[in-house]
Amino acid sequence: MRRTVTDAWGARWTVRARQLRGTGTPPPLPGPEEESLRRRLTAALSPLPPPAIAPGCGDWRLPADTVDVERELVFAEFRDTPMRQGTAPWAVGHAVRLVGEAIAHLRTPKSETWEVELVARGRIRRWGRWQITGAEAAAQTVTTVVAAVSAGRVPEPWGAVLVDVVDQRPPSRPQPVA
């Protein structure tokens, strides 16, 4: 099931529901991680990208933003790790692993877990994903998300768990006053 909606600022979004294989994404930890996902969803649905923070402006984070800091540290660790790829044994091992994962994925039966995805249409990727159990509940969640987005509100579907938010718009930079 798929529906298209235009938000209050004219951005076009696609809302779709699909049944997952396996259990899906683990839910966020209660507390700071849930709050971080909600803040990121609010920012992703806003008409303007989040502002750029100038270096050396002090600590601007709230106590609940510690999850964001920890996530950045983990990604920095992976960025700084030297990659040993490109060798022939690595390429063969990588290809074998990918084929094995694809076969295992196709052999996994579909579960009762459904994923409802809100995706911005256009070249810059923005999305939010919720998971819920049951086809009827997924259809109701799609309707709730469509109604909230068209009204310019942040969707909060009952019974669904927000598991992923992505906003890849470049940060807005203040323009100098002439």
Protein backbone atom coordinates (compact mmCIF):
# COMPACT_ATOMS: atom_id res chain seq x y z
CA MET A 1 0.00 0.00 0.00
CA ARG A 2 1.35 3.36 -1.07
CA ARG A 3 0.01 6.91 -0.85
CA THR A 4 1.37 10.29 -1.90
CA VAL A 5 0.86 13.44 0.17
CA THR A 6 1.90 17.09 -0.02
CA ASP A 7 2.78 18.77 3.27
CA ALA A 8 1.84 22.30 4.36
CA TRP A 9 5.01 23.76 2.76
CA GLY A 10 4.56 22.12 -0.65
CA ALA A 11 7.02 19.24 -0.27
CA ARG A 12 5.80 15.94 -1.71
CA TRP A 13 6.08 12.75 0.34
CA THR A 14 5.36 9.07 -0.28
CA VAL A 15 3.99 6.91 2.53
CA ARG A 16 4.17 3.16 2.09
CA ALA A 17 3.81 0.04 4.19
CA ARG A 18 5.54 -3.27 3.58
CA GLN A 19 5.75 -6.54 5.41
CA LEU A 20 9.21 -7.40 6.75
CA ARG A 21 11.12 -10.65 6.81
CA GLY A 22 12.33 -11.48 10.29
CA THR A 23 11.89 -9.17 13.25
CA GLY A 24 12.98 -5.86 11.68
CA THR A 25 14.98 -3.13 13.37
CA PRO A 26 15.28 -3.30 17.16
CA PRO A 27 13.30 -0.51 18.86
CA PRO A 28 15.21 2.47 20.27
CA LEU A 29 16.09 2.53 23.92
CA PRO A 30 13.55 4.43 26.02
CA GLY A 31 14.58 7.90 27.04
CA PRO A 32 17.33 9.81 25.21
CA GLU A 33 17.37 7.63 22.09
CA GLU A 34 13.60 7.97 21.57
CA GLU A 35 13.79 11.72 22.15
CA SER A 36 16.67 12.03 19.70
CA LEU A 37 14.66 10.22 17.00
CA ARG A 38 11.63 12.46 17.60
CA ARG A 39 13.76 15.63 17.36
CA ARG A 40 15.38 14.38 14.16
CA LEU A 41 11.94 13.59 12.68
CA THR A 42 10.70 17.08 13.55
CA ALA A 43 13.77 18.59 11.87
CA ALA A 44 13.36 16.35 8.80
CA LEU A 45 9.73 17.44 8.36
CA SER A 46 10.48 21.16 8.75
CA PRO A 47 10.70 23.31 5.60
CA LEU A 48 14.25 24.46 6.38
CA PRO A 49 17.28 22.28 7.10
CA PRO A 50 18.82 22.49 10.58
CA PRO A 51 21.15 25.48 11.05
CA ALA A 52 24.90 25.03 10.81
CA ILE A 53 26.66 25.38 14.15
CA ALA A 54 29.82 27.47 14.01
CA PRO A 55 32.85 25.77 15.56
CA GLY A 56 33.84 27.08 18.96
CA CYS A 57 30.37 28.30 19.96
CA GLY A 58 30.41 26.32 23.17
CA ASP A 59 28.33 23.32 24.17
CA TRP A 60 24.92 23.80 22.59
CA ARG A 61 23.61 20.29 23.18
CA LEU A 62 20.81 19.39 25.55
CA PRO A 63 21.22 16.52 28.05
CA ALA A 64 19.11 14.25 25.82
CA ASP A 65 21.48 14.86 22.90
CA THR A 66 24.11 12.52 24.33
CA VAL A 67 22.84 9.80 21.99
CA ASP A 68 23.68 12.01 19.02
CA VAL A 69 27.19 12.61 20.37
CA GLU A 70 27.74 8.88 20.94
CA ARG A 71 26.49 8.10 17.42
CA GLU A 72 28.93 10.64 15.93
CA LEU A 73 31.82 9.10 17.89
CA VAL A 74 30.98 5.61 16.60
CA PHE A 75 30.81 6.85 13.00
CA ALA A 76 34.10 8.73 13.46
CA GLU A 77 35.70 5.50 14.66
CA PHE A 78 34.62 3.70 11.46
CA ARG A 79 35.73 6.62 9.28
CA ASP A 80 39.22 6.62 10.82
CA THR A 81 39.71 2.86 10.49
CA PRO A 82 42.07 2.01 7.62
CA MET A 83 40.28 -0.19 5.10
CA ARG A 84 42.09 -3.24 3.82
CA GLN A 85 39.85 -3.74 0.86
CA GLY A 86 40.75 -4.02 -2.78
CA THR A 87 42.81 -7.18 -2.54
CA ALA A 88 41.67 -10.26 -4.46
CA PRO A 89 41.00 -12.42 -1.35
CA TRP A 90 38.93 -9.60 0.17
CA ALA A 91 36.84 -9.25 -3.02
CA VAL A 92 36.16 -13.00 -3.24
CA GLY A 93 35.30 -13.26 0.46
CA HIS A 94 33.05 -10.22 0.23
CA ALA A 95 31.18 -11.61 -2.79
CA VAL A 96 30.67 -14.99 -1.10
CA ARG A 97 29.38 -13.29 2.05
CA LEU A 98 26.92 -11.14 0.07
CA VAL A 99 25.54 -14.17 -1.80
CA GLY A 100 25.16 -16.04 1.49
CA GLU A 101 23.33 -13.12 3.10
CA ALA A 102 20.97 -12.83 0.11
CA ILE A 103 20.10 -16.53 0.24
CA ALA A 104 19.55 -16.39 4.01
CA HIS A 105 17.32 -13.32 3.61
CA LEU A 106 15.15 -14.99 0.96
CA ARG A 107 14.78 -18.09 3.11
CA THR A 108 13.60 -16.05 6.11
CA PRO A 109 9.79 -16.19 6.31
CA LYS A 110 7.77 -12.98 6.43
CA SER A 111 6.74 -11.90 9.91
CA GLU A 112 3.78 -9.96 11.25
CA THR A 113 6.00 -6.89 11.56
CA TRP A 114 5.22 -4.14 9.07
CA GLU A 115 7.32 -1.10 8.27
CA VAL A 116 5.63 2.20 7.46
CA GLU A 117 7.97 4.54 5.64
CA LEU A 118 7.56 8.28 5.00
CA VAL A 119 9.94 9.33 2.19
CA ALA A 120 10.41 12.80 0.71
CA ARG A 121 10.28 12.89 -3.06
CA GLY A 122 13.20 14.61 -4.73
CA ARG A 123 16.92 14.24 -4.94
CA ILE A 124 17.77 14.94 -1.29
CA ARG A 125 16.99 11.95 0.88
CA ARG A 126 14.73 12.41 3.92
CA TRP A 127 12.68 9.71 5.58
CA GLY A 128 11.21 8.37 8.77
CA ARG A 129 10.35 4.72 9.48
CA TRP A 130 7.95 3.18 11.97
CA GLN A 131 7.38 -0.49 12.76
CA ILE A 132 4.08 -1.99 13.85
CA THR A 133 2.56 -5.47 14.14
CA GLY A 134 -0.30 -6.46 11.84
CA ALA A 135 -1.56 -5.49 8.39
CA GLU A 136 -4.63 -3.60 9.64
CA ALA A 137 -2.55 -1.62 12.11
CA ALA A 138 -0.09 -0.78 9.31
CA ALA A 139 -2.93 0.50 7.11
CA GLN A 140 -4.20 2.66 9.99
CA THR A 141 -0.66 3.97 10.58
CA VAL A 142 -0.36 4.94 6.89
CA THR A 143 -3.63 6.88 7.17
CA THR A 144 -2.48 8.60 10.37
CA VAL A 145 0.90 9.59 8.88
CA VAL A 146 -0.73 10.94 5.69
CA ALA A 147 -3.22 13.03 7.71
CA ALA A 148 -0.52 14.44 10.01
CA VAL A 149 1.89 15.34 7.21
CA SER A 150 -0.82 17.01 5.11
CA ALA A 151 -1.83 19.07 8.17
CA GLY A 152 1.79 20.16 8.79
CA ARG A 153 2.14 18.19 12.04
CA VAL A 154 4.72 15.61 13.11
CA PRO A 155 3.12 12.16 12.86
CA GLU A 156 2.78 10.18 16.08
CA PRO A 157 0.91 7.00 15.07
CA TRP A 158 -0.51 5.06 17.99
CA GLY A 159 1.14 1.67 18.56
CA ALA A 160 3.93 2.25 16.04
CA VAL A 161 7.57 2.57 17.08
CA LEU A 162 9.77 5.15 15.34
CA VAL A 163 12.96 3.26 14.44
CA ASP A 164 14.82 5.36 11.86
CA VAL A 165 15.07 8.99 10.70
CA VAL A 166 17.35 10.37 7.98
CA ASP A 167 17.69 13.98 6.82
CA GLN A 168 20.51 14.56 4.33
CA ARG A 169 19.80 18.19 3.52
CA PRO A 170 22.88 20.37 3.88
CA PRO A 171 22.74 22.65 6.93
CA SER A 172 21.51 26.18 6.36
CA ARG A 173 24.15 28.84 6.69
CA PRO A 174 23.26 32.35 7.84
CA GLN A 175 23.65 34.89 5.05
CA PRO A 176 25.60 38.08 5.81
CA VAL A 177 23.56 41.26 5.96
CA ALA A 178 24.70 43.76 3.37
